[in-house]
């Protein structure tokens, strides 16, 4: 309604409204995808942090001497 009162024809106003709605949906989907990617990265980081405690402890000097040239 506002677009037609702004001077656009009915067809042009409908096309403009659809374009604005499409841009809104695209921007919202981009934000949601960023949130999901950060959530996934947080979960992977948490699993890697917990998994780091399951690694075998390194004991310096246990492997013997290393010859250096």
PDB file of N, CA and C in Angstrom:
ATOM      1  N   UNK A   1       0.815  -1.182   0.000  1.00  0.00           N
ATOM      2  CA  UNK A   1       0.000   0.000   0.000  1.00  0.00           C
ATOM      3  C   UNK A   1       0.867   1.257   0.000  1.00  0.00           C
ATOM      4  N   UNK A   2       1.919   1.275   0.814  1.00  0.00           N
ATOM      5  CA  UNK A   2       2.768   2.458   0.873  1.00  0.00           C
ATOM      6  C   UNK A   2       3.535   2.672  -0.429  1.00  0.00           C
ATOM      7  N   UNK A   3       3.908   1.591  -1.081  1.00  0.00           N
ATOM      8  CA  UNK A   3       4.662   1.730  -2.320  1.00  0.00           C
ATOM      9  C   UNK A   3       3.802   2.316  -3.432  1.00  0.00           C
ATOM     10  N   UNK A   4       2.538   1.959  -3.443  1.00  0.00           N
ATOM     11  CA  UNK A   4       1.656   2.534  -4.467  1.00  0.00           C
ATOM     12  C   UNK A   4       1.368   3.998  -4.186  1.00  0.00           C
ATOM     13  N   UNK A   5       1.310   4.367  -2.905  1.00  0.00           N
ATOM     14  CA  UNK A   5       1.107   5.785  -2.584  1.00  0.00           C
ATOM     15  C   UNK A   5       2.375   6.592  -2.807  1.00  0.00           C
ATOM     16  N   UNK A   6       3.514   5.910  -2.888  1.00  0.00           N
ATOM     17  CA  UNK A   6       4.776   6.602  -3.149  1.00  0.00           C
ATOM     18  C   UNK A   6       4.975   6.866  -4.631  1.00  0.00           C
ATOM     19  N   UNK A   7       4.054   6.374  -5.457  1.00  0.00           N
ATOM     20  CA  UNK A   7       4.127   6.679  -6.871  1.00  0.00           C
ATOM     21  C   UNK A   7       4.428   5.500  -7.772  1.00  0.00           C
ATOM     22  N   UNK A   8       4.563   4.315  -7.222  1.00  0.00           N
ATOM     23  CA  UNK A   8       4.823   3.135  -8.047  1.00  0.00           C
ATOM     24  C   UNK A   8       3.511   2.552  -8.546  1.00  0.00           C
ATOM     25  N   UNK A   9       3.590   1.890  -9.671  1.00  0.00           N
ATOM     26  CA  UNK A   9       2.409   1.188 -10.166  1.00  0.00           C
ATOM     27  C   UNK A   9       2.176  -0.050  -9.313  1.00  0.00           C
ATOM     28  N   UNK A  10       1.034  -0.666  -9.466  1.00  0.00           N
ATOM     29  CA  UNK A  10       0.706  -1.850  -8.664  1.00  0.00           C
ATOM     30  C   UNK A  10       1.693  -2.972  -8.944  1.00  0.00           C
ATOM     31  N   UNK A  11       2.020  -3.173 -10.207  1.00  0.00           N
ATOM     32  CA  UNK A  11       2.959  -4.236 -10.568  1.00  0.00           C
ATOM     33  C   UNK A  11       4.364  -3.931 -10.015  1.00  0.00           C
ATOM     34  N   UNK A  12       4.820  -2.696 -10.170  1.00  0.00           N
ATOM     35  CA  UNK A  12       6.148  -2.319  -9.668  1.00  0.00           C
ATOM     36  C   UNK A  12       6.194  -2.391  -8.143  1.00  0.00           C
ATOM     37  N   UNK A  13       5.111  -2.013  -7.492  1.00  0.00           N
ATOM     38  CA  UNK A  13       5.057  -2.096  -6.032  1.00  0.00           C
ATOM     39  C   UNK A  13       5.119  -3.545  -5.567  1.00  0.00           C
ATOM     40  N   UNK A  14       4.436  -4.433  -6.287  1.00  0.00           N
ATOM     41  CA  UNK A  14       4.474  -5.853  -5.937  1.00  0.00           C
ATOM     42  C   UNK A  14       5.880  -6.411  -6.131  1.00  0.00           C
ATOM     43  N   UNK A  15       6.532  -6.070  -7.215  1.00  0.00           N
ATOM     44  CA  UNK A  15       7.895  -6.531  -7.461  1.00  0.00           C
ATOM     45  C   UNK A  15       8.862  -5.982  -6.407  1.00  0.00           C
ATOM     46  N   UNK A  16       8.697  -4.728  -6.037  1.00  0.00           N
ATOM     47  CA  UNK A  16       9.555  -4.113  -5.020  1.00  0.00           C
ATOM     48  C   UNK A  16       9.333  -4.787  -3.663  1.00  0.00           C
ATOM     49  N   UNK A  17       8.092  -5.080  -3.323  1.00  0.00           N
ATOM     50  CA  UNK A  17       7.793  -5.752  -2.056  1.00  0.00           C
ATOM     51  C   UNK A  17       8.401  -7.142  -2.018  1.00  0.00           C
ATOM     52  N   UNK A  18       8.314  -7.876  -3.117  1.00  0.00           N
ATOM     53  CA  UNK A  18       8.913  -9.214  -3.176  1.00  0.00           C
ATOM     54  C   UNK A  18      10.432  -9.148  -3.072  1.00  0.00           C
ATOM     55  N   UNK A  19      11.027  -8.147  -3.700  1.00  0.00           N
ATOM     56  CA  UNK A  19      12.480  -7.989  -3.627  1.00  0.00           C
ATOM     57  C   UNK A  19      12.919  -7.662  -2.208  1.00  0.00           C
ATOM     58  N   UNK A  20      12.178  -6.808  -1.522  1.00  0.00           N
ATOM     59  CA  UNK A  20      12.515  -6.473  -0.131  1.00  0.00           C
ATOM     60  C   UNK A  20      12.352  -7.681   0.786  1.00  0.00           C
ATOM     61  N   UNK A  21      11.304  -8.464   0.564  1.00  0.00           N
ATOM     62  CA  UNK A  21      11.097  -9.655   1.375  1.00  0.00           C
ATOM     63  C   UNK A  21      12.200 -10.685   1.123  1.00  0.00           C
ATOM     64  N   UNK A  22      12.606 -10.817  -0.129  1.00  0.00           N
ATOM     65  CA  UNK A  22      13.688 -11.742  -0.467  1.00  0.00           C
ATOM     66  C   UNK A  22      14.990 -11.315   0.204  1.00  0.00           C
ATOM     67  N   UNK A  23      15.286 -10.027   0.193  1.00  0.00           N
ATOM     68  CA  UNK A  23      16.504  -9.524   0.842  1.00  0.00           C
ATOM     69  C   UNK A  23      16.457  -9.762   2.342  1.00  0.00           C
ATOM     70  N   UNK A  24      15.288  -9.600   2.943  1.00  0.00           N
ATOM     71  CA  UNK A  24      15.140  -9.842   4.379  1.00  0.00           C
ATOM     72  C   UNK A  24      15.375 -11.310   4.720  1.00  0.00           C
ATOM     73  N   UNK A  25      14.804 -12.203   3.938  1.00  0.00           N
ATOM     74  CA  UNK A  25      14.985 -13.640   4.174  1.00  0.00           C
ATOM     75  C   UNK A  25      16.444 -14.035   3.977  1.00  0.00           C
ATOM     76  N   UNK A  26      17.103 -13.494   2.968  1.00  0.00           N
ATOM     77  CA  UNK A  26      18.511 -13.817   2.729  1.00  0.00           C
ATOM     78  C   UNK A  26      19.398 -13.328   3.868  1.00  0.00           C
ATOM     79  N   UNK A  27      19.132 -12.137   4.382  1.00  0.00           N
ATOM     80  CA  UNK A  27      19.954 -11.636   5.485  1.00  0.00           C
ATOM     81  C   UNK A  27      19.728 -12.448   6.752  1.00  0.00           C
ATOM     82  N   UNK A  28      18.497 -12.844   7.013  1.00  0.00           N
ATOM     83  CA  UNK A  28      18.224 -13.672   8.188  1.00  0.00           C
ATOM     84  C   UNK A  28      18.854 -15.053   8.059  1.00  0.00           C
ATOM     85  N   UNK A  29      18.845 -15.617   6.869  1.00  0.00           N
ATOM     86  CA  UNK A  29      19.461 -16.933   6.687  1.00  0.00           C
ATOM     87  C   UNK A  29      20.977 -16.852   6.825  1.00  0.00           C
ATOM     88  N   UNK A  30      21.571 -15.746   6.409  1.00  0.00           N
ATOM     89  CA  UNK A  30      23.016 -15.581   6.588  1.00  0.00           C
ATOM     90  C   UNK A  30      23.371 -15.503   8.063  1.00  0.00           C
ATOM     91  N   UNK A  31      22.585 -14.775   8.836  1.00  0.00           N
ATOM     92  CA  UNK A  31      22.843 -14.678  10.278  1.00  0.00           C
ATOM     93  C   UNK A  31      22.688 -16.048  10.934  1.00  0.00           C
ATOM     94  N   UNK A  32      21.659 -16.778  10.582  1.00  0.00           N
ATOM     95  CA  UNK A  32      21.455 -18.109  11.161  1.00  0.00           C
ATOM     96  C   UNK A  32      22.579 -19.069  10.785  1.00  0.00           C
ATOM     97  N   UNK A  33      23.082 -18.972   9.575  1.00  0.00           N
ATOM     98  CA  UNK A  33      24.172 -19.862   9.182  1.00  0.00           C
ATOM     99  C   UNK A  33      25.446 -19.534   9.955  1.00  0.00           C
ATOM    100  N   UNK A  34      25.718 -18.237  10.188  1.00  0.00           N
ATOM    101  CA  UNK A  34      26.884 -17.877  11.002  1.00  0.00           C
ATOM    102  C   UNK A  34      26.737 -18.403  12.425  1.00  0.00           C
ATOM    103  N   UNK A  35      25.546 -18.305  12.994  1.00  0.00           N
ATOM    104  CA  UNK A  35      25.318 -18.803  14.348  1.00  0.00           C
ATOM    105  C   UNK A  35      25.535 -20.307  14.400  1.00  0.00           C
ATOM    106  N   UNK A  36      25.058 -21.024  13.404  1.00  0.00           N
ATOM    107  CA  UNK A  36      25.233 -22.475  13.387  1.00  0.00           C
ATOM    108  C   UNK A  36      26.692 -22.875  13.210  1.00  0.00           C
ATOM    109  N   UNK A  37      27.428 -22.135  12.400  1.00  0.00           N
ATOM    110  CA  UNK A  37      28.846 -22.445  12.208  1.00  0.00           C
ATOM    111  C   UNK A  37      29.622 -22.193  13.497  1.00  0.00           C
ATOM    112  N   UNK A  38      29.342 -21.085  14.190  1.00  0.00           N
ATOM    113  CA  UNK A  38      30.032 -20.819  15.455  1.00  0.00           C
ATOM    114  C   UNK A  38      29.661 -21.861  16.505  1.00  0.00           C
ATOM    115  N   UNK A  39      28.409 -22.308  16.516  1.00  0.00           N
ATOM    116  CA  UNK A  39      27.993 -23.369  17.436  1.00  0.00           C
ATOM    117  C   UNK A  39      28.753 -24.660  17.140  1.00  0.00           C
ATOM    118  N   UNK A  40      28.886 -24.994  15.871  1.00  0.00           N
ATOM    119  CA  UNK A  40      29.623 -26.194  15.488  1.00  0.00           C
ATOM    120  C   UNK A  40      31.094 -26.085  15.891  1.00  0.00           C
ATOM    121  N   UNK A  41      31.702 -24.922  15.653  1.00  0.00           N
ATOM    122  CA  UNK A  41      33.099 -24.729  16.049  1.00  0.00           C
ATOM    123  C   UNK A  41      33.271 -24.812  17.562  1.00  0.00           C
ATOM    124  N   UNK A  42      32.312 -24.310  18.312  1.00  0.00           N
ATOM    125  CA  UNK A  42      32.386 -24.395  19.772  1.00  0.00           C
ATOM    126  C   UNK A  42      32.309 -25.837  20.235  1.00  0.00           C
ATOM    127  N   UNK A  43      31.436 -26.633  19.616  1.00  0.00           N
ATOM    128  CA  UNK A  43      31.311 -28.032  20.005  1.00  0.00           C
ATOM    129  C   UNK A  43      32.578 -28.822  19.657  1.00  0.00           C
ATOM    130  N   UNK A  44      33.134 -28.571  18.481  1.00  0.00           N
ATOM    131  CA  UNK A  44      34.371 -29.253  18.076  1.00  0.00           C
ATOM    132  C   UNK A  44      35.507 -28.871  19.007  1.00  0.00           C
ATOM    133  N   UNK A  45      35.578 -27.604  19.380  1.00  0.00           N
ATOM    134  CA  UNK A  45      36.623 -27.163  20.312  1.00  0.00           C
ATOM    135  C   UNK A  45      36.460 -27.817  21.674  1.00  0.00           C
ATOM    136  N   UNK A  46      35.237 -27.939  22.140  1.00  0.00           N
ATOM    137  CA  UNK A  46      35.001 -28.586  23.434  1.00  0.00           C
ATOM    138  C   UNK A  46      35.396 -30.052  23.390  1.00  0.00           C
ATOM    139  N   UNK A  47      35.074 -30.737  22.314  1.00  0.00           N
ATOM    140  CA  UNK A  47      35.449 -32.153  22.183  1.00  0.00           C
ATOM    141  C   UNK A  47      36.967 -32.296  22.123  1.00  0.00           C
ATOM    142  N   UNK A  48      37.635 -31.403  21.400  1.00  0.00           N
ATOM    143  CA  UNK A  48      39.091 -31.467  21.323  1.00  0.00           C
ATOM    144  C   UNK A  48      39.736 -31.155  22.672  1.00  0.00           C
ATOM    145  N   UNK A  49      39.149 -30.237  23.435  1.00  0.00           N
ATOM    146  CA  UNK A  49      39.681 -29.913  24.756  1.00  0.00           C
ATOM    147  C   UNK A  49      39.579 -31.118  25.683  1.00  0.00           C
ATOM    148  N   UNK A  50      38.418 -31.757  25.699  1.00  0.00           N
ATOM    149  CA  UNK A  50      38.244 -32.950  26.540  1.00  0.00           C
ATOM    150  C   UNK A  50      39.140 -34.076  26.039  1.00  0.00           C
ATOM    151  N   UNK A  51      39.260 -34.226  24.724  1.00  0.00           N
ATOM    152  CA  UNK A  51      40.107 -35.269  24.156  1.00  0.00           C
ATOM    153  C   UNK A  51      41.579 -35.073  24.449  1.00  0.00           C
ATOM    154  N   UNK A  52      41.992 -33.841  24.676  1.00  0.00           N
ATOM    155  CA  UNK A  52      43.410 -33.596  24.968  1.00  0.00           C
ATOM    156  C   UNK A  52      43.829 -34.225  26.295  1.00  0.00           C
ATOM    157  N   UNK A  53      42.887 -34.419  27.213  1.00  0.00           N
ATOM    158  CA  UNK A  53      43.215 -35.059  28.479  1.00  0.00           C
ATOM    159  C   UNK A  53      43.366 -36.576  28.331  1.00  0.00           C
ATOM    160  N   UNK A  54      42.938 -37.117  27.220  1.00  0.00           N
ATOM    161  CA  UNK A  54      43.055 -38.555  26.989  1.00  0.00           C
ATOM    162  C   UNK A  54      44.356 -38.932  26.290  1.00  0.00           C
ATOM    163  N   UNK A  55      45.150 -37.939  25.891  1.00  0.00           N
ATOM    164  CA  UNK A  55      46.420 -38.221  25.226  1.00  0.00           C
ATOM    165  C   UNK A  55      47.432 -38.781  26.215  1.00  0.00           C
ATOM    166  N   UNK A  56      48.366 -39.570  25.685  1.00  0.00           N
ATOM    167  CA  UNK A  56      49.395 -40.151  26.529  1.00  0.00           C
ATOM    168  C   UNK A  56      50.392 -39.061  26.923  1.00  0.00           C
ATOM    169  N   UNK A  57      50.803 -39.087  28.166  1.00  0.00           N
ATOM    170  CA  UNK A  57      51.715 -38.080  28.690  1.00  0.00           C
ATOM    171  C   UNK A  57      53.109 -38.257  28.085  1.00  0.00           C
ATOM    172  N   UNK A  58      53.726 -37.153  27.726  1.00  0.00           N
ATOM    173  CA  UNK A  58      55.075 -37.148  27.172  1.00  0.00           C
ATOM    174  C   UNK A  58      56.086 -37.092  28.314  1.00  0.00           C
ATOM    175  N   UNK A  59      57.049 -38.015  28.294  1.00  0.00           N
ATOM    176  CA  UNK A  59      58.079 -38.034  29.331  1.00  0.00           C
ATOM    177  C   UNK A  59      59.412 -37.669  28.694  1.00  0.00           C
ATOM    178  N   UNK A  60      59.915 -36.475  28.935  1.00  0.00           N
ATOM    179  CA  UNK A  60      61.173 -36.036  28.338  1.00  0.00           C
ATOM    180  C   UNK A  60      62.348 -36.926  28.778  1.00  0.00           C
ATOM    181  N   UNK A  61      63.236 -37.239  27.828  1.00  0.00           N
ATOM    182  CA  UNK A  61      64.428 -38.019  28.124  1.00  0.00           C
ATOM    183  C   UNK A  61      64.206 -39.511  28.114  1.00  0.00           C
ATOM    184  N   UNK A  62      63.017 -39.996  27.956  1.00  0.00           N
ATOM    185  CA  UNK A  62      62.743 -41.432  27.992  1.00  0.00           C
ATOM    186  C   UNK A  62      63.186 -42.127  26.707  1.00  0.00           C
ATOM    187  N   UNK A  63      63.220 -41.403  25.598  1.00  0.00           N
ATOM    188  CA  UNK A  63      63.507 -42.047  24.319  1.00  0.00           C
ATOM    189  C   UNK A  63      65.000 -42.270  24.083  1.00  0.00           C
ATOM    190  N   UNK A  64      65.844 -41.690  24.869  1.00  0.00           N
ATOM    191  CA  UNK A  64      67.281 -41.904  24.714  1.00  0.00           C
ATOM    192  C   UNK A  64      67.961 -40.687  24.096  1.00  0.00           C
ATOM    193  N   UNK A  65      69.203 -40.899  23.711  1.00  0.00           N
ATOM    194  CA  UNK A  65      69.978 -39.792  23.135  1.00  0.00           C
ATOM    195  C   UNK A  65      69.701 -39.634  21.659  1.00  0.00           C
ATOM    196  N   UNK A  66      69.774 -38.403  21.206  1.00  0.00           N
ATOM    197  CA  UNK A  66      69.599 -38.087  19.792  1.00  0.00           C
ATOM    198  C   UNK A  66      70.901 -37.480  19.310  1.00  0.00           C
ATOM    199  N   UNK A  67      71.444 -38.044  18.233  1.00  0.00           N
ATOM    200  CA  UNK A  67      72.705 -37.502  17.715  1.00  0.00           C
ATOM    201  C   UNK A  67      72.409 -36.286  16.844  1.00  0.00           C
ATOM    202  N   UNK A  68      73.136 -35.220  17.099  1.00  0.00           N
ATOM    203  CA  UNK A  68      72.981 -33.981  16.342  1.00  0.00           C
ATOM    204  C   UNK A  68      74.276 -33.709  15.608  1.00  0.00           C
ATOM    205  N   UNK A  69      74.185 -33.452  14.313  1.00  0.00           N
ATOM    206  CA  UNK A  69      75.407 -33.217  13.525  1.00  0.00           C
ATOM    207  C   UNK A  69      75.717 -31.759  13.439  1.00  0.00           C
TER     208      UNK A  69
END
